[in-house]
Protein backbone atom coordinates (compact mmCIF):
# COMPACT_ATOMS: atom_id res chain seq x y z
CA MET A 1 -24.05 10.69 5.78
CA HIS A 2 -25.65 8.93 8.74
CA PRO A 3 -23.21 8.13 11.60
CA LEU A 4 -23.88 4.41 11.06
CA ASP A 5 -23.04 4.45 7.35
CA ASN A 6 -19.61 2.92 6.65
CA VAL A 7 -19.61 2.17 10.35
CA ILE A 8 -16.31 0.27 10.66
CA TRP A 9 -14.37 3.05 8.95
CA LYS A 10 -16.22 5.60 11.09
CA ALA A 11 -15.35 3.75 14.31
CA LEU A 12 -11.69 3.44 13.36
CA THR A 13 -11.40 7.12 12.51
CA THR A 14 -13.27 8.45 15.56
CA ARG A 15 -13.96 6.79 18.92
CA GLN A 16 -11.87 3.66 18.33
CA ALA A 17 -8.90 5.15 16.51
CA GLU A 18 -6.64 3.82 19.29
CA PHE A 19 -7.27 0.28 17.99
CA ALA A 20 -6.56 1.13 14.34
CA GLU A 21 -3.81 0.13 11.97
CA SER A 22 -3.77 2.45 8.94
CA PHE A 23 -2.51 2.45 5.39
CA ALA A 24 -3.56 5.20 2.94
CA GLU A 25 -7.36 4.95 2.51
CA ALA A 26 -7.92 1.89 4.71
CA ARG A 27 -7.94 0.99 8.38
CA ARG A 28 -8.35 -2.21 10.33
CA PHE A 29 -8.58 -3.16 13.97
CA VAL A 30 -5.39 -4.68 15.33
CA PRO A 31 -5.80 -8.42 14.62
CA GLU A 32 -5.84 -9.40 18.31
CA VAL A 33 -9.03 -7.34 18.70
CA THR A 34 -11.03 -8.34 15.61
CA ALA A 35 -10.70 -8.99 11.87
CA LEU A 36 -12.99 -6.06 10.98
CA ALA A 37 -11.62 -3.49 8.54
CA GLY A 38 -12.89 -0.61 6.42
CA PHE A 39 -11.95 1.92 3.81
CA ARG A 40 -13.09 5.42 2.95
CA GLU A 41 -14.71 4.20 -0.28
CA PRO A 42 -14.94 0.80 -2.05
CA THR A 43 -12.75 1.95 -4.94
CA ALA A 44 -9.66 0.42 -6.52
CA GLU A 45 -7.60 2.69 -4.30
CA GLY A 46 -9.53 1.47 -1.26
CA TYR A 47 -8.80 -2.18 -2.02
CA GLU A 48 -5.14 -1.44 -2.77
CA SER A 49 -4.94 0.30 0.61
CA LEU A 50 -6.31 -2.85 2.26
CA LYS A 51 -3.55 -4.86 0.59
CA GLY A 52 -1.02 -2.48 2.09
CA LEU A 53 -2.51 -3.07 5.53
CA LEU A 54 -2.17 -6.84 5.28
CA GLY A 55 1.38 -7.04 3.99
CA GLY A 56 2.17 -10.49 2.58
CA ARG A 57 -1.01 -12.43 3.39
CA GLY A 58 -3.94 -12.09 5.71
CA THR A 59 -7.71 -12.04 6.11
CA ILE A 60 -10.06 -9.16 6.86
CA ALA A 61 -13.85 -8.70 7.15
CA LEU A 62 -15.71 -5.79 5.54
CA PHE A 63 -19.25 -4.44 5.62
CA LEU A 64 -20.16 -3.35 2.08
CA GLU A 65 -23.21 -1.51 0.72
CA GLU A 66 -23.36 -3.90 -2.24
CA PRO A 67 -22.48 -7.60 -2.56
CA TYR A 68 -18.78 -8.16 -3.10
CA HIS A 69 -17.60 -8.48 -6.69
CA ALA A 70 -14.40 -10.36 -7.48
CA ARG A 71 -11.24 -8.27 -7.53
CA ALA A 72 -7.71 -9.21 -8.48
CA GLY A 73 -5.55 -10.23 -5.56
CA TRP A 74 -8.41 -11.27 -3.28
CA GLU A 75 -10.12 -14.55 -2.45
CA LEU A 76 -13.63 -14.50 -0.99
CA ALA A 77 -13.50 -16.66 2.15
CA GLY A 78 -17.03 -15.94 3.39
CA ASN A 79 -20.00 -13.66 2.82
CA GLY A 80 -23.59 -12.98 3.81
CA ALA A 81 -26.27 -10.36 4.26
CA VAL A 82 -26.15 -8.53 7.59
CA LEU A 83 -29.03 -6.48 8.99
CA GLN A 84 -28.18 -3.34 10.93
CA MET A 85 -30.77 -2.48 13.61
CA VAL A 86 -31.06 0.61 15.84
CA CYS A 87 -32.91 1.13 19.11
CA GLU A 88 -33.92 4.79 18.95
CA ASN A 89 -36.80 4.83 21.44
CA GLY A 90 -35.50 2.67 24.27
CA SER A 91 -38.60 0.50 24.55
CA GLY A 92 -38.16 -2.94 26.04
CA LEU A 93 -35.65 -1.70 28.59
CA ALA A 94 -37.72 -2.29 31.70
CA ALA A 95 -35.78 -3.95 34.49
CA SER A 96 -35.94 -7.71 34.09
CA LEU A 97 -33.77 -8.87 36.97
CA ASN A 98 -35.08 -9.89 40.37
CA ASP A 99 -33.59 -11.42 43.51
CA ASP A 100 -34.08 -14.91 42.11
CA GLY A 101 -32.57 -14.10 38.74
CA PRO A 102 -29.05 -15.00 37.59
CA GLU A 103 -26.14 -12.82 38.62
CA MET A 104 -24.46 -10.89 35.84
CA VAL A 105 -20.70 -10.40 36.08
CA GLU A 106 -18.38 -8.07 34.21
CA LEU A 107 -15.90 -9.96 32.04
CA ASN A 108 -12.28 -8.98 31.52
CA ALA A 109 -8.92 -10.27 30.28
CA ALA A 110 -9.01 -13.13 32.79
CA ASP A 111 -12.17 -14.41 31.07
CA SER A 112 -10.87 -14.07 27.52
CA ALA A 113 -10.26 -17.78 26.89
CA GLU A 114 -13.79 -18.68 28.04
CA MET A 115 -15.28 -15.89 25.94
CA ILE A 116 -13.45 -17.17 22.87
CA GLU A 117 -14.62 -20.73 23.61
CA LEU A 118 -18.26 -19.65 23.95
CA THR A 119 -18.26 -17.47 20.83
CA GLY A 120 -16.45 -20.20 18.92
CA LEU A 121 -19.26 -22.59 19.80
CA THR A 122 -22.18 -20.23 19.11
CA LYS A 123 -20.77 -18.14 16.22
CA PRO A 124 -22.19 -14.66 17.01
CA GLY A 125 -19.37 -13.08 14.99
CA PRO A 126 -15.59 -12.72 15.09
CA PHE A 127 -14.17 -12.63 18.62
CA ASN A 128 -10.47 -12.58 19.46
CA ARG A 129 -8.40 -12.48 22.63
CA ARG A 130 -8.54 -8.67 22.95
CA THR A 131 -12.09 -8.06 21.70
CA HIS A 132 -13.20 -7.51 25.29
CA GLU A 133 -11.16 -4.27 25.31
CA LEU A 134 -13.69 -2.60 22.99
CA GLY A 135 -16.22 -2.03 25.79
CA THR A 136 -18.15 -3.57 28.63
CA TYR A 137 -18.86 -7.31 28.41
CA LEU A 138 -21.27 -9.00 30.78
CA GLY A 139 -21.72 -12.70 31.41
CA ILE A 140 -23.79 -15.25 33.29
CA ARG A 141 -22.16 -18.27 34.91
CA ARG A 142 -23.68 -21.55 35.89
CA GLY A 143 -21.64 -23.98 37.98
CA GLY A 144 -18.66 -21.69 37.48
CA LYS A 145 -18.92 -21.98 33.69
CA LEU A 146 -19.58 -19.03 31.38
CA VAL A 147 -22.88 -19.90 29.66
CA ALA A 148 -24.05 -16.56 28.21
CA MET A 149 -22.59 -13.17 27.35
CA ALA A 150 -23.16 -9.86 25.58
CA GLY A 151 -21.14 -6.69 25.24
CA GLU A 152 -20.09 -3.66 23.21
CA ARG A 153 -18.09 -3.60 19.98
CA LEU A 154 -18.20 -0.78 17.40
CA LYS A 155 -18.44 2.77 18.72
CA VAL A 156 -19.09 5.90 16.65
CA PRO A 157 -20.20 9.36 17.80
CA GLY A 158 -23.56 8.97 19.53
CA TYR A 159 -23.87 5.20 19.01
CA THR A 160 -22.52 1.98 20.54
CA GLU A 161 -23.00 -1.50 19.11
CA VAL A 162 -24.39 -4.38 21.16
CA SER A 163 -22.43 -7.46 20.12
CA ALA A 164 -21.34 -11.03 20.95
CA VAL A 165 -24.82 -11.92 22.20
CA CYS A 166 -24.68 -15.68 22.73
CA THR A 167 -25.85 -18.51 24.98
CA HIS A 168 -24.42 -22.00 25.31
CA PRO A 169 -26.78 -24.48 23.58
CA GLU A 170 -27.25 -26.38 26.84
CA HIS A 171 -28.50 -23.24 28.62
CA THR A 172 -30.97 -21.68 26.17
CA GLY A 173 -34.58 -20.94 27.07
CA HIS A 174 -33.85 -19.02 30.29
CA GLY A 175 -33.95 -15.51 28.81
CA TYR A 176 -30.25 -14.91 29.39
CA ALA A 177 -29.74 -13.04 26.10
CA ARG A 178 -32.56 -10.63 26.88
CA LEU A 179 -31.27 -10.00 30.42
CA LEU A 180 -27.73 -9.33 29.27
CA MET A 181 -28.76 -7.16 26.32
CA THR A 182 -31.12 -5.14 28.51
CA GLU A 183 -28.31 -4.28 30.91
CA VAL A 184 -25.79 -3.54 28.14
CA MET A 185 -28.36 -1.26 26.48
CA ARG A 186 -29.15 0.46 29.79
CA ARG A 187 -25.49 1.29 30.25
CA ILE A 188 -25.21 2.61 26.70
CA ARG A 189 -28.29 4.79 27.27
CA SER A 190 -26.85 6.09 30.55
CA ARG A 191 -24.01 7.65 28.53
CA GLY A 192 -26.47 9.44 26.28
CA GLU A 193 -25.78 7.08 23.37
CA THR A 194 -28.04 4.98 21.14
CA PRO A 195 -27.66 1.18 20.92
CA PHE A 196 -27.38 -0.53 17.55
CA LEU A 197 -26.42 -4.01 16.41
CA HIS A 198 -25.74 -6.28 13.45
CA VAL A 199 -27.37 -9.66 12.90
CA ARG A 200 -27.41 -12.15 10.05
CA ALA A 201 -30.36 -11.20 7.87
CA ASP A 202 -31.64 -14.80 7.88
CA ASN A 203 -31.57 -15.16 11.69
CA ALA A 204 -35.32 -14.70 12.21
CA ARG A 205 -35.29 -15.84 15.85
CA ALA A 206 -32.69 -13.27 16.89
CA ILE A 207 -34.33 -10.49 14.88
CA GLU A 208 -37.63 -11.19 16.62
CA LEU A 209 -35.95 -10.85 20.03
CA TYR A 210 -34.25 -7.62 19.04
CA GLU A 211 -37.50 -6.13 17.77
CA ARG A 212 -39.14 -6.95 21.11
CA LEU A 213 -36.33 -5.00 22.78
CA GLY A 214 -37.11 -1.95 20.64
CA PHE A 215 -34.65 -2.35 17.77
CA ARG A 216 -35.83 -1.39 14.30
CA ARG A 217 -34.39 -2.43 10.96
CA ARG A 218 -32.23 0.24 9.37
CA VAL A 219 -30.23 -1.16 6.45
CA VAL A 220 -28.86 -4.41 5.04
CA SER A 221 -25.10 -4.58 4.54
CA HIS A 222 -23.04 -7.28 2.91
CA LEU A 223 -20.31 -9.02 4.85
CA ALA A 224 -17.26 -10.00 2.85
CA VAL A 225 -14.44 -11.98 4.45
CA LEU A 226 -11.50 -11.49 2.12
CA ARG A 227 -8.18 -13.32 2.04
CA LYS A 228 -5.30 -11.59 0.33
CA ILE A 229 -3.59 -13.71 -2.30
CA ALA A 230 0.19 -13.53 -2.14
CA GLY A 231 1.90 -12.03 -5.11
């Protein structure tokens, strides 16, 4: 199995086990971090284990190899095809900053509310008040306001995910996403790891940017946001 197969489960059983809540064959990130969850295998036992994780009611997000098929006790709240991309060769990582370029700042707990506001507006993926704890997050401010950000999310042996890449709609066209991603990727590389990411399979504009940065398409997964039905 490739390290990036069943990547949420792999993260929660290896490098990010400290963030995991577990029940039998399933694990999820603590809800304050993210809604992502995984199981060892997409079997009846796997889905029953997810129910045990959620208790009475709750919502989780899975990456599946195949499109979700209806199962008793679950309501599909959202879905979509997600492309996983990997940057094996490091091309596109030439320094892009200069003295006239925007200053990048490291974001932390004090910036959490602004990070949630920006991701809520731009929808790069689920982002909660403790998501920033998963790795380094960098941002660009204009007039004191956070207008762009990117950071790290899933981590498995040898690989770290670039995530939450977003720019406020009023500040697009300045290359902020490329600048931030380049620095996040440089830091990942400096640890001897390989960057990867997930992007909606229909987001052609983002995919084009990522390919220019050296990412290559690896596999299409299927996002399923599932709500447990009480009972």
